[in-house]
């Protein structure tokens, strides 16, 4: 079976994770769930980048990669801060 965008990213499983619990459901509950799940995914990516950064620092021959990963983490943090202000 060929790999597709949807199968690679497991879109069906991802979209099934948003399950409001209120009786309504409240209109904003879905927004709350999606935003906070996205925050968790960004945090996971930041941890991934940080682990890679720590490995690069331990080897110390990847200075360029260290800077790239550091700035990527900073970009992610800026996106999160921007979303918090909206």
PDB file of N, CA and C in Angstrom:
ATOM      1  N   UNK A   1       0.842  -1.189   0.000  1.00  0.00           N
ATOM      2  CA  UNK A   1       0.000   0.000   0.000  1.00  0.00           C
ATOM      3  C   UNK A   1       0.884   1.248   0.000  1.00  0.00           C
ATOM      4  N   UNK A   2       0.656   2.175  -0.918  1.00  0.00           N
ATOM      5  CA  UNK A   2       1.495   3.369  -0.983  1.00  0.00           C
ATOM      6  C   UNK A   2       1.227   4.309   0.198  1.00  0.00           C
ATOM      7  N   UNK A   3       2.255   5.007   0.577  1.00  0.00           N
ATOM      8  CA  UNK A   3       2.126   5.985   1.657  1.00  0.00           C
ATOM      9  C   UNK A   3       1.502   7.255   1.083  1.00  0.00           C
ATOM     10  N   UNK A   4       0.461   7.719   1.723  1.00  0.00           N
ATOM     11  CA  UNK A   4      -0.194   8.965   1.316  1.00  0.00           C
ATOM     12  C   UNK A   4      -0.003  10.004   2.416  1.00  0.00           C
ATOM     13  N   UNK A   5      -0.342  11.213   2.093  1.00  0.00           N
ATOM     14  CA  UNK A   5      -0.285  12.298   3.085  1.00  0.00           C
ATOM     15  C   UNK A   5      -1.094  11.909   4.318  1.00  0.00           C
ATOM     16  N   UNK A   6      -2.305  11.464   4.087  1.00  0.00           N
ATOM     17  CA  UNK A   6      -3.210  11.119   5.182  1.00  0.00           C
ATOM     18  C   UNK A   6      -2.710   9.929   5.994  1.00  0.00           C
ATOM     19  N   UNK A   7      -2.212   8.909   5.321  1.00  0.00           N
ATOM     20  CA  UNK A   7      -1.738   7.727   6.051  1.00  0.00           C
ATOM     21  C   UNK A   7      -0.441   8.028   6.796  1.00  0.00           C
ATOM     22  N   UNK A   8       0.430   8.804   6.182  1.00  0.00           N
ATOM     23  CA  UNK A   8       1.699   9.141   6.829  1.00  0.00           C
ATOM     24  C   UNK A   8       1.474   9.944   8.105  1.00  0.00           C
ATOM     25  N   UNK A   9       0.569  10.925   8.042  1.00  0.00           N
ATOM     26  CA  UNK A   9       0.302  11.781   9.186  1.00  0.00           C
ATOM     27  C   UNK A   9      -0.795  11.240  10.100  1.00  0.00           C
ATOM     28  N   UNK A  10      -1.395  10.112   9.697  1.00  0.00           N
ATOM     29  CA  UNK A  10      -2.466   9.492  10.494  1.00  0.00           C
ATOM     30  C   UNK A  10      -3.579  10.505  10.784  1.00  0.00           C
ATOM     31  N   UNK A  11      -4.036  11.139   9.724  1.00  0.00           N
ATOM     32  CA  UNK A  11      -5.025  12.203   9.841  1.00  0.00           C
ATOM     33  C   UNK A  11      -6.312  11.719  10.506  1.00  0.00           C
ATOM     34  N   UNK A  12      -6.807  10.561  10.109  1.00  0.00           N
ATOM     35  CA  UNK A  12      -8.056  10.069  10.709  1.00  0.00           C
ATOM     36  C   UNK A  12      -7.913   9.895  12.216  1.00  0.00           C
ATOM     37  N   UNK A  13      -6.803   9.311  12.657  1.00  0.00           N
ATOM     38  CA  UNK A  13      -6.572   9.119  14.092  1.00  0.00           C
ATOM     39  C   UNK A  13      -6.418  10.467  14.801  1.00  0.00           C
ATOM     40  N   UNK A  14      -5.701  11.382  14.161  1.00  0.00           N
ATOM     41  CA  UNK A  14      -5.483  12.702  14.745  1.00  0.00           C
ATOM     42  C   UNK A  14      -6.810  13.431  14.953  1.00  0.00           C
ATOM     43  N   UNK A  15      -7.642  13.418  13.936  1.00  0.00           N
ATOM     44  CA  UNK A  15      -8.911  14.147  14.021  1.00  0.00           C
ATOM     45  C   UNK A  15      -9.887  13.486  14.987  1.00  0.00           C
ATOM     46  N   UNK A  16      -9.714  12.204  15.248  1.00  0.00           N
ATOM     47  CA  UNK A  16     -10.585  11.504  16.195  1.00  0.00           C
ATOM     48  C   UNK A  16     -10.248  11.845  17.647  1.00  0.00           C
ATOM     49  N   UNK A  17      -9.127  12.514  17.875  1.00  0.00           N
ATOM     50  CA  UNK A  17      -8.702  12.834  19.236  1.00  0.00           C
ATOM     51  C   UNK A  17      -9.452  14.016  19.842  1.00  0.00           C
ATOM     52  N   UNK A  18     -10.158  14.788  19.046  1.00  0.00           N
ATOM     53  CA  UNK A  18     -10.895  15.928  19.558  1.00  0.00           C
ATOM     54  C   UNK A  18     -12.290  15.458  19.955  1.00  0.00           C
ATOM     55  N   UNK A  19     -12.476  15.202  21.243  1.00  0.00           N
ATOM     56  CA  UNK A  19     -13.747  14.684  21.747  1.00  0.00           C
ATOM     57  C   UNK A  19     -14.249  15.540  22.902  1.00  0.00           C
ATOM     58  N   UNK A  20     -15.069  16.543  22.586  1.00  0.00           N
ATOM     59  CA  UNK A  20     -15.614  17.390  23.648  1.00  0.00           C
ATOM     60  C   UNK A  20     -16.379  16.554  24.671  1.00  0.00           C
ATOM     61  N   UNK A  21     -16.324  16.973  25.931  1.00  0.00           N
ATOM     62  CA  UNK A  21     -16.952  16.220  27.011  1.00  0.00           C
ATOM     63  C   UNK A  21     -18.218  16.878  27.558  1.00  0.00           C
ATOM     64  N   UNK A  22     -18.445  18.136  27.239  1.00  0.00           N
ATOM     65  CA  UNK A  22     -19.627  18.813  27.782  1.00  0.00           C
ATOM     66  C   UNK A  22     -20.886  18.282  27.108  1.00  0.00           C
ATOM     67  N   UNK A  23     -22.029  18.518  27.768  1.00  0.00           N
ATOM     68  CA  UNK A  23     -23.306  18.041  27.237  1.00  0.00           C
ATOM     69  C   UNK A  23     -23.698  18.743  25.957  1.00  0.00           C
ATOM     70  N   UNK A  24     -23.220  19.972  25.758  1.00  0.00           N
ATOM     71  CA  UNK A  24     -23.618  20.786  24.613  1.00  0.00           C
ATOM     72  C   UNK A  24     -23.277  20.224  23.257  1.00  0.00           C
ATOM     73  N   UNK A  25     -22.103  20.011  22.807  1.00  0.00           N
ATOM     74  CA  UNK A  25     -20.910  20.557  23.458  1.00  0.00           C
ATOM     75  C   UNK A  25     -20.884  22.074  23.352  1.00  0.00           C
ATOM     76  N   UNK A  26     -20.201  22.683  24.274  1.00  0.00           N
ATOM     77  CA  UNK A  26     -20.032  24.131  24.229  1.00  0.00           C
ATOM     78  C   UNK A  26     -19.274  24.488  22.957  1.00  0.00           C
ATOM     79  N   UNK A  27     -19.650  25.574  22.328  1.00  0.00           N
ATOM     80  CA  UNK A  27     -19.026  25.955  21.056  1.00  0.00           C
ATOM     81  C   UNK A  27     -17.511  26.093  21.169  1.00  0.00           C
ATOM     82  N   UNK A  28     -17.024  26.743  22.205  1.00  0.00           N
ATOM     83  CA  UNK A  28     -15.595  26.996  22.349  1.00  0.00           C
ATOM     84  C   UNK A  28     -14.803  25.799  22.858  1.00  0.00           C
ATOM     85  N   UNK A  29     -15.494  24.747  23.248  1.00  0.00           N
ATOM     86  CA  UNK A  29     -14.784  23.582  23.775  1.00  0.00           C
ATOM     87  C   UNK A  29     -13.875  22.960  22.708  1.00  0.00           C
ATOM     88  N   UNK A  30     -14.345  22.877  21.492  1.00  0.00           N
ATOM     89  CA  UNK A  30     -13.517  22.319  20.410  1.00  0.00           C
ATOM     90  C   UNK A  30     -12.282  23.182  20.192  1.00  0.00           C
ATOM     91  N   UNK A  31     -12.449  24.483  20.210  1.00  0.00           N
ATOM     92  CA  UNK A  31     -11.315  25.392  20.059  1.00  0.00           C
ATOM     93  C   UNK A  31     -10.310  25.174  21.180  1.00  0.00           C
ATOM     94  N   UNK A  32     -10.788  25.066  22.406  1.00  0.00           N
ATOM     95  CA  UNK A  32      -9.916  24.816  23.557  1.00  0.00           C
ATOM     96  C   UNK A  32      -9.118  23.528  23.352  1.00  0.00           C
ATOM     97  N   UNK A  33      -9.782  22.468  22.945  1.00  0.00           N
ATOM     98  CA  UNK A  33      -9.116  21.175  22.756  1.00  0.00           C
ATOM     99  C   UNK A  33      -8.054  21.276  21.668  1.00  0.00           C
ATOM    100  N   UNK A  34      -8.421  21.833  20.536  1.00  0.00           N
ATOM    101  CA  UNK A  34      -7.487  21.916  19.403  1.00  0.00           C
ATOM    102  C   UNK A  34      -6.272  22.757  19.763  1.00  0.00           C
ATOM    103  N   UNK A  35      -6.492  23.915  20.348  1.00  0.00           N
ATOM    104  CA  UNK A  35      -5.373  24.797  20.693  1.00  0.00           C
ATOM    105  C   UNK A  35      -4.420  24.106  21.661  1.00  0.00           C
ATOM    106  N   UNK A  36      -4.960  23.467  22.670  1.00  0.00           N
ATOM    107  CA  UNK A  36      -4.092  22.846  23.663  1.00  0.00           C
ATOM    108  C   UNK A  36      -3.408  21.589  23.137  1.00  0.00           C
ATOM    109  N   UNK A  37      -4.042  20.876  22.240  1.00  0.00           N
ATOM    110  CA  UNK A  37      -3.359  19.750  21.611  1.00  0.00           C
ATOM    111  C   UNK A  37      -2.221  20.245  20.726  1.00  0.00           C
ATOM    112  N   UNK A  38      -2.447  21.341  20.036  1.00  0.00           N
ATOM    113  CA  UNK A  38      -1.383  21.931  19.210  1.00  0.00           C
ATOM    114  C   UNK A  38      -0.215  22.374  20.088  1.00  0.00           C
ATOM    115  N   UNK A  39      -0.512  22.999  21.233  1.00  0.00           N
ATOM    116  CA  UNK A  39       0.560  23.379  22.167  1.00  0.00           C
ATOM    117  C   UNK A  39       1.381  22.153  22.572  1.00  0.00           C
ATOM    118  N   UNK A  40       0.706  21.069  22.860  1.00  0.00           N
ATOM    119  CA  UNK A  40       1.411  19.845  23.265  1.00  0.00           C
ATOM    120  C   UNK A  40       2.294  19.324  22.130  1.00  0.00           C
ATOM    121  N   UNK A  41       1.808  19.416  20.898  1.00  0.00           N
ATOM    122  CA  UNK A  41       2.612  18.976  19.750  1.00  0.00           C
ATOM    123  C   UNK A  41       3.824  19.878  19.557  1.00  0.00           C
ATOM    124  N   UNK A  42       3.643  21.188  19.703  1.00  0.00           N
ATOM    125  CA  UNK A  42       4.790  22.101  19.600  1.00  0.00           C
ATOM    126  C   UNK A  42       5.797  21.811  20.706  1.00  0.00           C
ATOM    127  N   UNK A  43       5.298  21.535  21.913  1.00  0.00           N
ATOM    128  CA  UNK A  43       6.190  21.220  23.018  1.00  0.00           C
ATOM    129  C   UNK A  43       6.969  19.941  22.725  1.00  0.00           C
ATOM    130  N   UNK A  44       6.299  18.960  22.152  1.00  0.00           N
ATOM    131  CA  UNK A  44       6.975  17.716  21.763  1.00  0.00           C
ATOM    132  C   UNK A  44       8.083  18.009  20.763  1.00  0.00           C
ATOM    133  N   UNK A  45       7.802  18.881  19.796  1.00  0.00           N
ATOM    134  CA  UNK A  45       8.813  19.239  18.801  1.00  0.00           C
ATOM    135  C   UNK A  45       9.975  19.976  19.451  1.00  0.00           C
ATOM    136  N   UNK A  46       9.680  20.851  20.408  1.00  0.00           N
ATOM    137  CA  UNK A  46      10.747  21.567  21.105  1.00  0.00           C
ATOM    138  C   UNK A  46      11.646  20.589  21.867  1.00  0.00           C
ATOM    139  N   UNK A  47      11.056  19.590  22.496  1.00  0.00           N
ATOM    140  CA  UNK A  47      11.857  18.578  23.185  1.00  0.00           C
ATOM    141  C   UNK A  47      12.716  17.796  22.194  1.00  0.00           C
ATOM    142  N   UNK A  48      12.145  17.471  21.053  1.00  0.00           N
ATOM    143  CA  UNK A  48      12.891  16.764  20.005  1.00  0.00           C
ATOM    144  C   UNK A  48      14.091  17.596  19.557  1.00  0.00           C
ATOM    145  N   UNK A  49      13.853  18.879  19.313  1.00  0.00           N
ATOM    146  CA  UNK A  49      14.936  19.766  18.886  1.00  0.00           C
ATOM    147  C   UNK A  49      15.989  19.906  19.988  1.00  0.00           C
ATOM    148  N   UNK A  50      15.550  20.001  21.226  1.00  0.00           N
ATOM    149  CA  UNK A  50      16.482  20.153  22.341  1.00  0.00           C
ATOM    150  C   UNK A  50      17.350  18.912  22.507  1.00  0.00           C
ATOM    151  N   UNK A  51      16.746  17.732  22.365  1.00  0.00           N
ATOM    152  CA  UNK A  51      17.543  16.493  22.443  1.00  0.00           C
ATOM    153  C   UNK A  51      18.592  16.457  21.342  1.00  0.00           C
ATOM    154  N   UNK A  52      18.197  16.855  20.151  1.00  0.00           N
ATOM    155  CA  UNK A  52      19.145  16.880  19.037  1.00  0.00           C
ATOM    156  C   UNK A  52      20.249  17.895  19.310  1.00  0.00           C
ATOM    157  N   UNK A  53      19.867  19.036  19.841  1.00  0.00           N
ATOM    158  CA  UNK A  53      20.831  20.078  20.186  1.00  0.00           C
ATOM    159  C   UNK A  53      21.833  19.568  21.223  1.00  0.00           C
ATOM    160  N   UNK A  54      21.354  18.867  22.223  1.00  0.00           N
ATOM    161  CA  UNK A  54      22.236  18.327  23.254  1.00  0.00           C
ATOM    162  C   UNK A  54      23.207  17.302  22.670  1.00  0.00           C
ATOM    163  N   UNK A  55      22.734  16.475  21.751  1.00  0.00           N
ATOM    164  CA  UNK A  55      23.614  15.513  21.086  1.00  0.00           C
ATOM    165  C   UNK A  55      24.678  16.237  20.272  1.00  0.00           C
ATOM    166  N   UNK A  56      24.262  17.264  19.550  1.00  0.00           N
ATOM    167  CA  UNK A  56      25.218  18.026  18.741  1.00  0.00           C
ATOM    168  C   UNK A  56      26.257  18.707  19.610  1.00  0.00           C
ATOM    169  N   UNK A  57      25.825  19.233  20.742  1.00  0.00           N
ATOM    170  CA  UNK A  57      26.774  19.875  21.646  1.00  0.00           C
ATOM    171  C   UNK A  57      27.763  18.867  22.225  1.00  0.00           C
ATOM    172  N   UNK A  58      27.284  17.664  22.501  1.00  0.00           N
ATOM    173  CA  UNK A  58      28.164  16.631  23.053  1.00  0.00           C
ATOM    174  C   UNK A  58      29.241  16.258  22.048  1.00  0.00           C
ATOM    175  N   UNK A  59      28.892  16.251  20.790  1.00  0.00           N
ATOM    176  CA  UNK A  59      29.867  15.921  19.748  1.00  0.00           C
ATOM    177  C   UNK A  59      30.711  17.145  19.411  1.00  0.00           C
ATOM    178  N   UNK A  60      30.136  18.318  19.529  1.00  0.00           N
ATOM    179  CA  UNK A  60      30.752  19.633  19.352  1.00  0.00           C
ATOM    180  C   UNK A  60      31.306  19.912  17.953  1.00  0.00           C
ATOM    181  N   UNK A  61      30.979  19.108  16.994  1.00  0.00           N
ATOM    182  CA  UNK A  61      31.418  19.409  15.628  1.00  0.00           C
ATOM    183  C   UNK A  61      30.269  19.900  14.757  1.00  0.00           C
ATOM    184  N   UNK A  62      29.141  20.130  15.364  1.00  0.00           N
ATOM    185  CA  UNK A  62      27.965  20.546  14.598  1.00  0.00           C
ATOM    186  C   UNK A  62      27.493  21.930  15.018  1.00  0.00           C
ATOM    187  N   UNK A  63      28.368  22.877  15.107  1.00  0.00           N
ATOM    188  CA  UNK A  63      28.019  24.217  15.591  1.00  0.00           C
ATOM    189  C   UNK A  63      26.893  24.843  14.766  1.00  0.00           C
ATOM    190  N   UNK A  64      26.931  24.674  13.465  1.00  0.00           N
ATOM    191  CA  UNK A  64      25.892  25.262  12.616  1.00  0.00           C
ATOM    192  C   UNK A  64      24.540  24.657  12.953  1.00  0.00           C
ATOM    193  N   UNK A  65      24.484  23.346  13.111  1.00  0.00           N
ATOM    194  CA  UNK A  65      23.221  22.688  13.466  1.00  0.00           C
ATOM    195  C   UNK A  65      22.722  23.148  14.824  1.00  0.00           C
ATOM    196  N   UNK A  66      23.629  23.364  15.740  1.00  0.00           N
ATOM    197  CA  UNK A  66      23.251  23.838  17.069  1.00  0.00           C
ATOM    198  C   UNK A  66      22.514  25.166  16.955  1.00  0.00           C
ATOM    199  N   UNK A  67      23.051  26.076  16.170  1.00  0.00           N
ATOM    200  CA  UNK A  67      22.398  27.374  16.017  1.00  0.00           C
ATOM    201  C   UNK A  67      21.055  27.239  15.310  1.00  0.00           C
ATOM    202  N   UNK A  68      20.979  26.400  14.299  1.00  0.00           N
ATOM    203  CA  UNK A  68      19.713  26.216  13.580  1.00  0.00           C
ATOM    204  C   UNK A  68      18.636  25.700  14.526  1.00  0.00           C
ATOM    205  N   UNK A  69      18.965  24.690  15.313  1.00  0.00           N
ATOM    206  CA  UNK A  69      17.983  24.111  16.236  1.00  0.00           C
ATOM    207  C   UNK A  69      17.579  25.107  17.316  1.00  0.00           C
ATOM    208  N   UNK A  70      18.535  25.889  17.789  1.00  0.00           N
ATOM    209  CA  UNK A  70      18.227  26.892  18.807  1.00  0.00           C
ATOM    210  C   UNK A  70      17.253  27.921  18.264  1.00  0.00           C
ATOM    211  N   UNK A  71      17.508  28.409  17.058  1.00  0.00           N
ATOM    212  CA  UNK A  71      16.613  29.399  16.466  1.00  0.00           C
ATOM    213  C   UNK A  71      15.254  28.799  16.131  1.00  0.00           C
ATOM    214  N   UNK A  72      15.204  27.532  15.752  1.00  0.00           N
ATOM    215  CA  UNK A  72      13.920  26.881  15.473  1.00  0.00           C
ATOM    216  C   UNK A  72      13.087  26.832  16.749  1.00  0.00           C
ATOM    217  N   UNK A  73      13.717  26.478  17.867  1.00  0.00           N
ATOM    218  CA  UNK A  73      12.995  26.467  19.141  1.00  0.00           C
ATOM    219  C   UNK A  73      12.481  27.859  19.480  1.00  0.00           C
ATOM    220  N   UNK A  74      13.298  28.867  19.235  1.00  0.00           N
ATOM    221  CA  UNK A  74      12.873  30.244  19.503  1.00  0.00           C
ATOM    222  C   UNK A  74      11.686  30.615  18.619  1.00  0.00           C
ATOM    223  N   UNK A  75      11.697  30.190  17.363  1.00  0.00           N
ATOM    224  CA  UNK A  75      10.574  30.456  16.459  1.00  0.00           C
ATOM    225  C   UNK A  75       9.297  29.797  16.965  1.00  0.00           C
ATOM    226  N   UNK A  76       9.403  28.568  17.427  1.00  0.00           N
ATOM    227  CA  UNK A  76       8.233  27.859  17.951  1.00  0.00           C
ATOM    228  C   UNK A  76       7.688  28.592  19.175  1.00  0.00           C
ATOM    229  N   UNK A  77       8.573  29.012  20.054  1.00  0.00           N
ATOM    230  CA  UNK A  77       8.144  29.742  21.248  1.00  0.00           C
ATOM    231  C   UNK A  77       7.443  31.040  20.866  1.00  0.00           C
ATOM    232  N   UNK A  78       7.954  31.735  19.849  1.00  0.00           N
ATOM    233  CA  UNK A  78       7.310  32.975  19.386  1.00  0.00           C
ATOM    234  C   UNK A  78       5.914  32.687  18.852  1.00  0.00           C
ATOM    235  N   UNK A  79       5.746  31.578  18.117  1.00  0.00           N
ATOM    236  CA  UNK A  79       4.422  31.208  17.604  1.00  0.00           C
ATOM    237  C   UNK A  79       3.456  30.961  18.758  1.00  0.00           C
ATOM    238  N   UNK A  80       3.924  30.281  19.776  1.00  0.00           N
ATOM    239  CA  UNK A  80       3.071  30.008  20.931  1.00  0.00           C
ATOM    240  C   UNK A  80       2.678  31.303  21.630  1.00  0.00           C
ATOM    241  N   UNK A  81       3.644  32.205  21.802  1.00  0.00           N
ATOM    242  CA  UNK A  81       3.350  33.474  22.452  1.00  0.00           C
ATOM    243  C   UNK A  81       2.367  34.306  21.639  1.00  0.00           C
ATOM    244  N   UNK A  82       2.525  34.286  20.329  1.00  0.00           N
ATOM    245  CA  UNK A  82       1.622  35.033  19.456  1.00  0.00           C
ATOM    246  C   UNK A  82       0.215  34.469  19.579  1.00  0.00           C
ATOM    247  N   UNK A  83       0.079  33.142  19.621  1.00  0.00           N
ATOM    248  CA  UNK A  83      -1.222  32.518  19.740  1.00  0.00           C
ATOM    249  C   UNK A  83      -1.874  32.848  21.079  1.00  0.00           C
ATOM    250  N   UNK A  84      -1.066  32.946  22.129  1.00  0.00           N
ATOM    251  CA  UNK A  84      -1.588  33.290  23.462  1.00  0.00           C
ATOM    252  C   UNK A  84      -2.166  34.698  23.480  1.00  0.00           C
ATOM    253  N   UNK A  85      -1.643  35.593  22.644  1.00  0.00           N
ATOM    254  CA  UNK A  85      -2.082  36.978  22.660  1.00  0.00           C
ATOM    255  C   UNK A  85      -3.335  37.190  21.827  1.00  0.00           C
ATOM    256  N   UNK A  86      -3.692  36.217  21.016  1.00  0.00           N
ATOM    257  CA  UNK A  86      -4.876  36.376  20.150  1.00  0.00           C
ATOM    258  C   UNK A  86      -6.142  35.963  20.851  1.00  0.00           C
TER     259      UNK A  86
END
